[in-house]
Amino acid sequence: LPLPEASGVAVKFSEPVQHQSGATVVSGVVVDRDRRR
């Protein structure tokens, strides 16, 4: 599996934002379009 082109992936973050140990934590996913992952 090669390194995808930048245009073939997308980043999606979701709320709510969490705060833990003095840092901000945001959950999300990276979508690999070709692999539908």
PDB file of all heavy atoms in Angstrom:
ATOM      1  N   LEU A   1       0.856  -1.188   0.000  1.00  0.00           N
ATOM      2  CA  LEU A   1       0.000   0.000   0.000  1.00  0.00           C
ATOM      3  C   LEU A   1       0.886   1.229   0.000  1.00  0.00           C
ATOM      4  O   LEU A   1       1.608   1.490   0.966  1.00  0.00           O
ATOM      5  CB  LEU A   1      -0.914  -0.006   1.229  1.00  0.00           C
ATOM      6  CG  LEU A   1      -1.926  -1.154   1.264  1.00  0.00           C
ATOM      7  CD1 LEU A   1      -2.602  -1.223   2.624  1.00  0.00           C
ATOM      8  CD2 LEU A   1      -2.952  -1.008   0.163  1.00  0.00           C
ATOM      9  N   PRO A   2       0.884   2.025  -1.056  1.00  0.00           N
ATOM     10  CA  PRO A   2       1.771   3.189  -1.126  1.00  0.00           C
ATOM     11  C   PRO A   2       1.263   4.334  -0.264  1.00  0.00           C
ATOM     12  O   PRO A   2       0.137   4.313   0.246  1.00  0.00           O
ATOM     13  CB  PRO A   2       1.718   3.557  -2.615  1.00  0.00           C
ATOM     14  CG  PRO A   2       0.338   3.132  -3.043  1.00  0.00           C
ATOM     15  CD  PRO A   2       0.048   1.878  -2.257  1.00  0.00           C
ATOM     16  N   LEU A   3       2.107   5.334  -0.099  1.00  0.00           N
ATOM     17  CA  LEU A   3       1.672   6.563   0.557  1.00  0.00           C
ATOM     18  C   LEU A   3       0.632   7.242  -0.318  1.00  0.00           C
ATOM     19  O   LEU A   3       0.893   7.540  -1.483  1.00  0.00           O
ATOM     20  CB  LEU A   3       2.866   7.500   0.759  1.00  0.00           C
ATOM     21  CG  LEU A   3       2.581   8.803   1.508  1.00  0.00           C
ATOM     22  CD1 LEU A   3       2.328   8.526   2.983  1.00  0.00           C
ATOM     23  CD2 LEU A   3       3.745   9.776   1.345  1.00  0.00           C
ATOM     24  N   PRO A   4      -0.589   7.472   0.191  1.00  0.00           N
ATOM     25  CA  PRO A   4      -1.628   8.094  -0.645  1.00  0.00           C
ATOM     26  C   PRO A   4      -1.257   9.522  -1.034  1.00  0.00           C
ATOM     27  O   PRO A   4      -0.484  10.186  -0.348  1.00  0.00           O
ATOM     28  CB  PRO A   4      -2.868   8.075   0.261  1.00  0.00           C
ATOM     29  CG  PRO A   4      -2.561   7.111   1.354  1.00  0.00           C
ATOM     30  CD  PRO A   4      -1.083   7.148   1.543  1.00  0.00           C
ATOM     31  N   GLU A   5      -1.825   9.985  -2.134  1.00  0.00           N
ATOM     32  CA  GLU A   5      -1.734  11.399  -2.463  1.00  0.00           C
ATOM     33  C   GLU A   5      -2.493  12.207  -1.402  1.00  0.00           C
ATOM     34  O   GLU A   5      -3.459  11.723  -0.811  1.00  0.00           O
ATOM     35  CB  GLU A   5      -2.344  11.661  -3.840  1.00  0.00           C
ATOM     36  CG  GLU A   5      -1.624  10.972  -4.987  1.00  0.00           C
ATOM     37  CD  GLU A   5      -0.294  11.614  -5.301  1.00  0.00           C
ATOM     38  OE1 GLU A   5      -0.072  12.765  -4.854  1.00  0.00           O
ATOM     39  OE2 GLU A   5       0.538  10.985  -5.977  1.00  0.00           O
ATOM     40  N   ALA A   6      -2.040  13.425  -1.169  1.00  0.00           N
ATOM     41  CA  ALA A   6      -2.713  14.277  -0.183  1.00  0.00           C
ATOM     42  C   ALA A   6      -4.185  14.466  -0.530  1.00  0.00           C
ATOM     43  O   ALA A   6      -5.046  14.565   0.358  1.00  0.00           O
ATOM     44  CB  ALA A   6      -2.007  15.628  -0.090  1.00  0.00           C
ATOM     45  N   SER A   7      -4.483  14.494  -1.840  1.00  0.00           N
ATOM     46  CA  SER A   7      -5.874  14.668  -2.271  1.00  0.00           C
ATOM     47  C   SER A   7      -6.728  13.436  -2.007  1.00  0.00           C
ATOM     48  O   SER A   7      -7.959  13.496  -2.085  1.00  0.00           O
ATOM     49  CB  SER A   7      -5.915  15.002  -3.761  1.00  0.00           C
ATOM     50  OG  SER A   7      -5.327  13.956  -4.519  1.00  0.00           O
ATOM     51  N   GLY A   8      -6.094  12.315  -1.682  1.00  0.00           N
ATOM     52  CA  GLY A   8      -6.835  11.078  -1.451  1.00  0.00           C
ATOM     53  C   GLY A   8      -7.195  10.827  -0.009  1.00  0.00           C
ATOM     54  O   GLY A   8      -7.782   9.797   0.311  1.00  0.00           O
ATOM     55  N   VAL A   9      -6.828  11.760   0.874  1.00  0.00           N
ATOM     56  CA  VAL A   9      -7.144  11.601   2.290  1.00  0.00           C
ATOM     57  C   VAL A   9      -7.834  12.860   2.809  1.00  0.00           C
ATOM     58  O   VAL A   9      -7.697  13.942   2.237  1.00  0.00           O
ATOM     59  CB  VAL A   9      -5.875  11.314   3.122  1.00  0.00           C
ATOM     60  CG1 VAL A   9      -5.286   9.960   2.756  1.00  0.00           C
ATOM     61  CG2 VAL A   9      -4.838  12.412   2.929  1.00  0.00           C
ATOM     62  N   ALA A  10      -8.570  12.695   3.868  1.00  0.00           N
ATOM     63  CA  ALA A  10      -9.246  13.825   4.503  1.00  0.00           C
ATOM     64  C   ALA A  10      -9.195  13.649   6.013  1.00  0.00           C
ATOM     65  O   ALA A  10      -9.200  12.525   6.523  1.00  0.00           O
ATOM     66  CB  ALA A  10     -10.697  13.916   4.032  1.00  0.00           C
ATOM     67  N   VAL A  11      -9.148  14.765   6.728  1.00  0.00           N
ATOM     68  CA  VAL A  11      -9.145  14.753   8.185  1.00  0.00           C
ATOM     69  C   VAL A  11     -10.457  15.329   8.684  1.00  0.00           C
ATOM     70  O   VAL A  11     -10.887  16.396   8.235  1.00  0.00           O
ATOM     71  CB  VAL A  11      -7.973  15.584   8.745  1.00  0.00           C
ATOM     72  CG1 VAL A  11      -7.959  15.517  10.273  1.00  0.00           C
ATOM     73  CG2 VAL A  11      -6.649  15.087   8.187  1.00  0.00           C
ATOM     74  N   LYS A  12     -11.100  14.628   9.595  1.00  0.00           N
ATOM     75  CA  LYS A  12     -12.359  15.095  10.178  1.00  0.00           C
ATOM     76  C   LYS A  12     -12.242  15.049  11.698  1.00  0.00           C
ATOM     77  O   LYS A  12     -11.971  13.988  12.268  1.00  0.00           O
ATOM     78  CB  LYS A  12     -13.527  14.213   9.722  1.00  0.00           C
ATOM     79  CG  LYS A  12     -13.767  14.207   8.223  1.00  0.00           C
ATOM     80  CD  LYS A  12     -15.066  13.482   7.863  1.00  0.00           C
ATOM     81  CE  LYS A  12     -15.043  12.034   8.268  1.00  0.00           C
ATOM     82  NZ  LYS A  12     -16.283  11.322   7.842  1.00  0.00           N
ATOM     83  N   PHE A  13     -12.443  16.195  12.342  1.00  0.00           N
ATOM     84  CA  PHE A  13     -12.455  16.255  13.799  1.00  0.00           C
ATOM     85  C   PHE A  13     -13.892  16.438  14.281  1.00  0.00           C
ATOM     86  O   PHE A  13     -14.743  16.974  13.571  1.00  0.00           O
ATOM     87  CB  PHE A  13     -11.580  17.396  14.307  1.00  0.00           C
ATOM     88  CG  PHE A  13     -10.109  17.132  14.153  1.00  0.00           C
ATOM     89  CD1 PHE A  13      -9.357  17.864  13.245  1.00  0.00           C
ATOM     90  CD2 PHE A  13      -9.485  16.155  14.900  1.00  0.00           C
ATOM     91  CE1 PHE A  13      -8.006  17.629  13.089  1.00  0.00           C
ATOM     92  CE2 PHE A  13      -8.129  15.906  14.759  1.00  0.00           C
ATOM     93  CZ  PHE A  13      -7.391  16.641  13.851  1.00  0.00           C
ATOM     94  N   SER A  14     -14.146  15.986  15.489  1.00  0.00           N
ATOM     95  CA  SER A  14     -15.501  16.069  16.026  1.00  0.00           C
ATOM     96  C   SER A  14     -15.462  16.653  17.434  1.00  0.00           C
ATOM     97  O   SER A  14     -14.454  16.583  18.132  1.00  0.00           O
ATOM     98  CB  SER A  14     -16.148  14.679  16.058  1.00  0.00           C
ATOM     99  OG  SER A  14     -15.373  13.792  16.856  1.00  0.00           O
ATOM    100  N   GLU A  15     -16.570  17.221  17.846  1.00  0.00           N
ATOM    101  CA  GLU A  15     -16.716  17.726  19.204  1.00  0.00           C
ATOM    102  C   GLU A  15     -17.426  16.649  20.020  1.00  0.00           C
ATOM    103  O   GLU A  15     -18.060  15.750  19.460  1.00  0.00           O
ATOM    104  CB  GLU A  15     -17.515  19.028  19.186  1.00  0.00           C
ATOM    105  CG  GLU A  15     -16.787  20.146  18.445  1.00  0.00           C
ATOM    106  CD  GLU A  15     -17.520  21.475  18.527  1.00  0.00           C
ATOM    107  OE1 GLU A  15     -18.553  21.524  19.230  1.00  0.00           O
ATOM    108  OE2 GLU A  15     -17.076  22.428  17.882  1.00  0.00           O
ATOM    109  N   PRO A  16     -17.366  16.656  21.340  1.00  0.00           N
ATOM    110  CA  PRO A  16     -16.804  17.737  22.157  1.00  0.00           C
ATOM    111  C   PRO A  16     -15.290  17.599  22.312  1.00  0.00           C
ATOM    112  O   PRO A  16     -14.739  16.517  22.210  1.00  0.00           O
ATOM    113  CB  PRO A  16     -17.496  17.541  23.505  1.00  0.00           C
ATOM    114  CG  PRO A  16     -17.715  16.050  23.575  1.00  0.00           C
ATOM    115  CD  PRO A  16     -18.038  15.634  22.167  1.00  0.00           C
ATOM    116  N   VAL A  17     -14.674  18.729  22.559  1.00  0.00           N
ATOM    117  CA  VAL A  17     -13.249  18.781  22.868  1.00  0.00           C
ATOM    118  C   VAL A  17     -13.055  18.320  24.311  1.00  0.00           C
ATOM    119  O   VAL A  17     -13.848  18.649  25.189  1.00  0.00           O
ATOM    120  CB  VAL A  17     -12.717  20.206  22.675  1.00  0.00           C
ATOM    121  CG1 VAL A  17     -11.283  20.319  23.174  1.00  0.00           C
ATOM    122  CG2 VAL A  17     -12.815  20.606  21.222  1.00  0.00           C
ATOM    123  N   GLN A  18     -12.034  17.540  24.566  1.00  0.00           N
ATOM    124  CA  GLN A  18     -11.725  17.090  25.921  1.00  0.00           C
ATOM    125  C   GLN A  18     -10.497  17.828  26.429  1.00  0.00           C
ATOM    126  O   GLN A  18      -9.656  18.279  25.660  1.00  0.00           O
ATOM    127  CB  GLN A  18     -11.436  15.590  25.932  1.00  0.00           C
ATOM    128  CG  GLN A  18     -12.592  14.729  25.445  1.00  0.00           C
ATOM    129  CD  GLN A  18     -12.242  13.258  25.501  1.00  0.00           C
ATOM    130  OE1 GLN A  18     -11.760  12.770  26.526  1.00  0.00           O
ATOM    131  NE2 GLN A  18     -12.464  12.556  24.399  1.00  0.00           N
ATOM    132  N   HIS A  19     -10.425  17.930  27.747  1.00  0.00           N
ATOM    133  CA  HIS A  19      -9.260  18.529  28.382  1.00  0.00           C
ATOM    134  C   HIS A  19      -8.705  17.510  29.355  1.00  0.00           C
ATOM    135  O   HIS A  19      -9.416  17.019  30.230  1.00  0.00           O
ATOM    136  CB  HIS A  19      -9.640  19.823  29.110  1.00  0.00           C
ATOM    137  CG  HIS A  19     -10.290  20.823  28.198  1.00  0.00           C
ATOM    138  ND1 HIS A  19      -9.610  21.494  27.221  1.00  0.00           N
ATOM    139  CD2 HIS A  19     -11.588  21.230  28.104  1.00  0.00           C
ATOM    140  CE1 HIS A  19     -10.434  22.291  26.565  1.00  0.00           C
ATOM    141  NE2 HIS A  19     -11.646  22.143  27.084  1.00  0.00           N
ATOM    142  N   GLN A  20      -7.444  17.168  29.173  1.00  0.00           N
ATOM    143  CA  GLN A  20      -6.843  16.138  30.008  1.00  0.00           C
ATOM    144  C   GLN A  20      -5.390  16.489  30.284  1.00  0.00           C
ATOM    145  O   GLN A  20      -4.641  16.857  29.371  1.00  0.00           O
ATOM    146  CB  GLN A  20      -6.912  14.773  29.309  1.00  0.00           C
ATOM    147  CG  GLN A  20      -6.351  13.637  30.157  1.00  0.00           C
ATOM    148  CD  GLN A  20      -6.604  12.279  29.530  1.00  0.00           C
ATOM    149  OE1 GLN A  20      -7.460  12.147  28.673  1.00  0.00           O
ATOM    150  NE2 GLN A  20      -5.864  11.277  29.968  1.00  0.00           N
ATOM    151  N   SER A  21      -5.008  16.399  31.554  1.00  0.00           N
ATOM    152  CA  SER A  21      -3.614  16.620  31.960  1.00  0.00           C
ATOM    153  C   SER A  21      -3.072  17.937  31.436  1.00  0.00           C
ATOM    154  O   SER A  21      -1.920  18.038  31.027  1.00  0.00           O
ATOM    155  CB  SER A  21      -2.739  15.451  31.478  1.00  0.00           C
ATOM    156  OG  SER A  21      -3.217  14.236  31.989  1.00  0.00           O
ATOM    157  N   GLY A  22      -3.901  18.951  31.399  1.00  0.00           N
ATOM    158  CA  GLY A  22      -3.450  20.261  30.986  1.00  0.00           C
ATOM    159  C   GLY A  22      -3.321  20.441  29.496  1.00  0.00           C
ATOM    160  O   GLY A  22      -2.727  21.414  29.031  1.00  0.00           O
ATOM    161  N   ALA A  23      -3.864  19.516  28.712  1.00  0.00           N
ATOM    162  CA  ALA A  23      -3.800  19.629  27.253  1.00  0.00           C
ATOM    163  C   ALA A  23      -5.207  19.534  26.687  1.00  0.00           C
ATOM    164  O   ALA A  23      -6.151  19.112  27.360  1.00  0.00           O
ATOM    165  CB  ALA A  23      -2.927  18.528  26.671  1.00  0.00           C
ATOM    166  N   THR A  24      -5.339  19.944  25.442  1.00  0.00           N
ATOM    167  CA  THR A  24      -6.608  19.824  24.740  1.00  0.00           C
ATOM    168  C   THR A  24      -6.547  18.601  23.832  1.00  0.00           C
ATOM    169  O   THR A  24      -5.565  18.398  23.109  1.00  0.00           O
ATOM    170  CB  THR A  24      -6.878  21.072  23.893  1.00  0.00           C
ATOM    171  OG1 THR A  24      -6.944  22.198  24.767  1.00  0.00           O
ATOM    172  CG2 THR A  24      -8.181  20.935  23.125  1.00  0.00           C
ATOM    173  N   VAL A  25      -7.598  17.794  23.892  1.00  0.00           N
ATOM    174  CA  VAL A  25      -7.637  16.570  23.096  1.00  0.00           C
ATOM    175  C   VAL A  25      -8.866  16.613  22.201  1.00  0.00           C
ATOM    176  O   VAL A  25      -9.990  16.802  22.682  1.00  0.00           O
ATOM    177  CB  VAL A  25      -7.698  15.315  23.990  1.00  0.00           C
ATOM    178  CG1 VAL A  25      -7.599  14.052  23.141  1.00  0.00           C
ATOM    179  CG2 VAL A  25      -6.594  15.339  25.038  1.00  0.00           C
ATOM    180  N   VAL A  26      -8.647  16.437  20.887  1.00  0.00           N
ATOM    181  CA  VAL A  26      -9.738  16.450  19.924  1.00  0.00           C
ATOM    182  C   VAL A  26      -9.752  15.107  19.199  1.00  0.00           C
ATOM    183  O   VAL A  26      -8.741  14.691  18.629  1.00  0.00           O
ATOM    184  CB  VAL A  26      -9.569  17.585  18.891  1.00  0.00           C
ATOM    185  CG1 VAL A  26     -10.832  17.715  18.049  1.00  0.00           C
ATOM    186  CG2 VAL A  26      -9.228  18.893  19.577  1.00  0.00           C
ATOM    187  N   SER A  27     -10.878  14.427  19.217  1.00  0.00           N
ATOM    188  CA  SER A  27     -10.991  13.155  18.505  1.00  0.00           C
ATOM    189  C   SER A  27     -11.358  13.385  17.049  1.00  0.00           C
ATOM    190  O   SER A  27     -12.029  14.357  16.705  1.00  0.00           O
ATOM    191  CB  SER A  27     -12.059  12.270  19.163  1.00  0.00           C
ATOM    192  OG  SER A  27     -11.672  11.926  20.477  1.00  0.00           O
ATOM    193  N   GLY A  28     -10.927  12.483  16.206  1.00  0.00           N
ATOM    194  CA  GLY A  28     -11.242  12.596  14.788  1.00  0.00           C
ATOM    195  C   GLY A  28     -10.881  11.333  14.035  1.00  0.00           C
ATOM    196  O   GLY A  28     -10.566  10.294  14.633  1.00  0.00           O
ATOM    197  N   VAL A  29     -10.927  11.422  12.734  1.00  0.00           N
ATOM    198  CA  VAL A  29     -10.538  10.307  11.868  1.00  0.00           C
ATOM    199  C   VAL A  29      -9.798  10.862  10.667  1.00  0.00           C
ATOM    200  O   VAL A  29     -10.007  12.003  10.249  1.00  0.00           O
ATOM    201  CB  VAL A  29     -11.747   9.473  11.377  1.00  0.00           C
ATOM    202  CG1 VAL A  29     -12.436   8.779  12.531  1.00  0.00           C
ATOM    203  CG2 VAL A  29     -12.721  10.336  10.589  1.00  0.00           C
ATOM    204  N   VAL A  30      -8.933  10.031  10.111  1.00  0.00           N
ATOM    205  CA  VAL A  30      -8.374  10.275   8.789  1.00  0.00           C
ATOM    206  C   VAL A  30      -9.081   9.328   7.834  1.00  0.00           C
ATOM    207  O   VAL A  30      -9.145   8.116   8.078  1.00  0.00           O
ATOM    208  CB  VAL A  30      -6.854  10.044   8.755  1.00  0.00           C
ATOM    209  CG1 VAL A  30      -6.345  10.020   7.311  1.00  0.00           C
ATOM    210  CG2 VAL A  30      -6.142  11.125   9.539  1.00  0.00           C
ATOM    211  N   VAL A  31      -9.650   9.873   6.770  1.00  0.00           N
ATOM    212  CA  VAL A  31     -10.374   9.072   5.790  1.00  0.00           C
ATOM    213  C   VAL A  31      -9.453   8.803   4.602  1.00  0.00           C
ATOM    214  O   VAL A  31      -8.956   9.729   3.969  1.00  0.00           O
ATOM    215  CB  VAL A  31     -11.653   9.789   5.308  1.00  0.00           C
ATOM    216  CG1 VAL A  31     -12.377   8.931   4.274  1.00  0.00           C
ATOM    217  CG2 VAL A  31     -12.562  10.084   6.493  1.00  0.00           C
ATOM    218  N   ASP A  32      -9.202   7.542   4.356  1.00  0.00           N
ATOM    219  CA  ASP A  32      -8.445   7.113   3.173  1.00  0.00           C
ATOM    220  C   ASP A  32      -9.470   6.745   2.110  1.00  0.00           C
ATOM    221  O   ASP A  32     -10.109   5.699   2.174  1.00  0.00           O
ATOM    222  CB  ASP A  32      -7.566   5.912   3.528  1.00  0.00           C
ATOM    223  CG  ASP A  32      -6.663   5.480   2.385  1.00  0.00           C
ATOM    224  OD1 ASP A  32      -7.017   5.739   1.217  1.00  0.00           O
ATOM    225  OD2 ASP A  32      -5.612   4.862   2.656  1.00  0.00           O
ATOM    226  N   ARG A  33      -9.660   7.623   1.130  1.00  0.00           N
ATOM    227  CA  ARG A  33     -10.765   7.456   0.186  1.00  0.00           C
ATOM    228  C   ARG A  33     -10.617   6.197  -0.663  1.00  0.00           C
ATOM    229  O   ARG A  33     -11.582   5.467  -0.882  1.00  0.00           O
ATOM    230  CB  ARG A  33     -10.873   8.697  -0.707  1.00  0.00           C
ATOM    231  CG  ARG A  33     -11.231   9.976   0.044  1.00  0.00           C
ATOM    232  CD  ARG A  33     -11.526  11.114  -0.918  1.00  0.00           C
ATOM    233  NE  ARG A  33     -11.900  12.320  -0.209  1.00  0.00           N
ATOM    234  CZ  ARG A  33     -11.083  13.324   0.036  1.00  0.00           C
ATOM    235  NH1 ARG A  33      -9.825  13.261  -0.368  1.00  0.00           N
ATOM    236  NH2 ARG A  33     -11.500  14.392   0.695  1.00  0.00           N
ATOM    237  N   ASP A  34      -9.411   5.951  -1.167  1.00  0.00           N
ATOM    238  CA  ASP A  34      -9.227   4.798  -2.046  1.00  0.00           C
ATOM    239  C   ASP A  34      -9.513   3.495  -1.321  1.00  0.00           C
ATOM    240  O   ASP A  34     -10.083   2.564  -1.890  1.00  0.00           O
ATOM    241  CB  ASP A  34      -7.799   4.782  -2.606  1.00  0.00           C
ATOM    242  CG  ASP A  34      -7.577   5.851  -3.655  1.00  0.00           C
ATOM    243  OD1 ASP A  34      -8.577   6.380  -4.185  1.00  0.00           O
ATOM    244  OD2 ASP A  34      -6.408   6.164  -3.951  1.00  0.00           O
ATOM    245  N   ARG A  35      -9.108   3.406  -0.070  1.00  0.00           N
ATOM    246  CA  ARG A  35      -9.288   2.174   0.696  1.00  0.00           C
ATOM    247  C   ARG A  35     -10.606   2.158   1.474  1.00  0.00           C
ATOM    248  O   ARG A  35     -10.936   1.147   2.098  1.00  0.00           O
ATOM    249  CB  ARG A  35      -8.121   1.986   1.665  1.00  0.00           C
ATOM    250  CG  ARG A  35      -6.781   1.814   0.969  1.00  0.00           C
ATOM    251  CD  ARG A  35      -5.624   1.956   1.958  1.00  0.00           C
ATOM    252  NE  ARG A  35      -5.689   0.920   2.978  1.00  0.00           N
ATOM    253  CZ  ARG A  35      -5.439   1.123   4.276  1.00  0.00           C
ATOM    254  NH1 ARG A  35      -5.144   2.341   4.705  1.00  0.00           N
ATOM    255  NH2 ARG A  35      -5.494   0.141   5.127  1.00  0.00           N
ATOM    256  N   ARG A  36     -11.326   3.284   1.467  1.00  0.00           N
ATOM    257  CA  ARG A  36     -12.578   3.403   2.209  1.00  0.00           C
ATOM    258  C   ARG A  36     -12.379   3.045   3.675  1.00  0.00           C
ATOM    259  O   ARG A  36     -13.141   2.302   4.288  1.00  0.00           O
ATOM    260  CB  ARG A  36     -13.671   2.524   1.584  1.00  0.00           C
ATOM    261  CG  ARG A  36     -14.007   2.927   0.165  1.00  0.00           C
ATOM    262  CD  ARG A  36     -15.137   2.107  -0.402  1.00  0.00           C
ATOM    263  NE  ARG A  36     -15.464   2.517  -1.760  1.00  0.00           N
ATOM    264  CZ  ARG A  36     -16.411   1.960  -2.501  1.00  0.00           C
ATOM    265  NH1 ARG A  36     -17.142   0.975  -2.015  1.00  0.00           N
ATOM    266  NH2 ARG A  36     -16.641   2.384  -3.727  1.00  0.00           N
ATOM    267  N   ARG A  37     -11.294   3.616   4.221  1.00  0.00           N
ATOM    268  CA  ARG A  37     -10.923   3.343   5.605  1.00  0.00           C
ATOM    269  C   ARG A  37     -10.993   4.617   6.418  1.00  0.00           C
ATOM    270  O   ARG A  37     -10.646   5.701   5.945  1.00  0.00           O
ATOM    271  CB  ARG A  37      -9.487   2.808   5.680  1.00  0.00           C
ATOM    272  CG  ARG A  37      -9.305   1.425   5.112  1.00  0.00           C
ATOM    273  CD  ARG A  37      -9.661   0.369   6.123  1.00  0.00           C
ATOM    274  NE  ARG A  37      -8.628   0.202   7.135  1.00  0.00           N
ATOM    275  CZ  ARG A  37      -8.824  -0.436   8.280  1.00  0.00           C
ATOM    276  NH1 ARG A  37     -10.008  -0.920   8.583  1.00  0.00           N
ATOM    277  NH2 ARG A  37      -7.835  -0.580   9.141  1.00  0.00           N
TER     278      ARG A  37
END
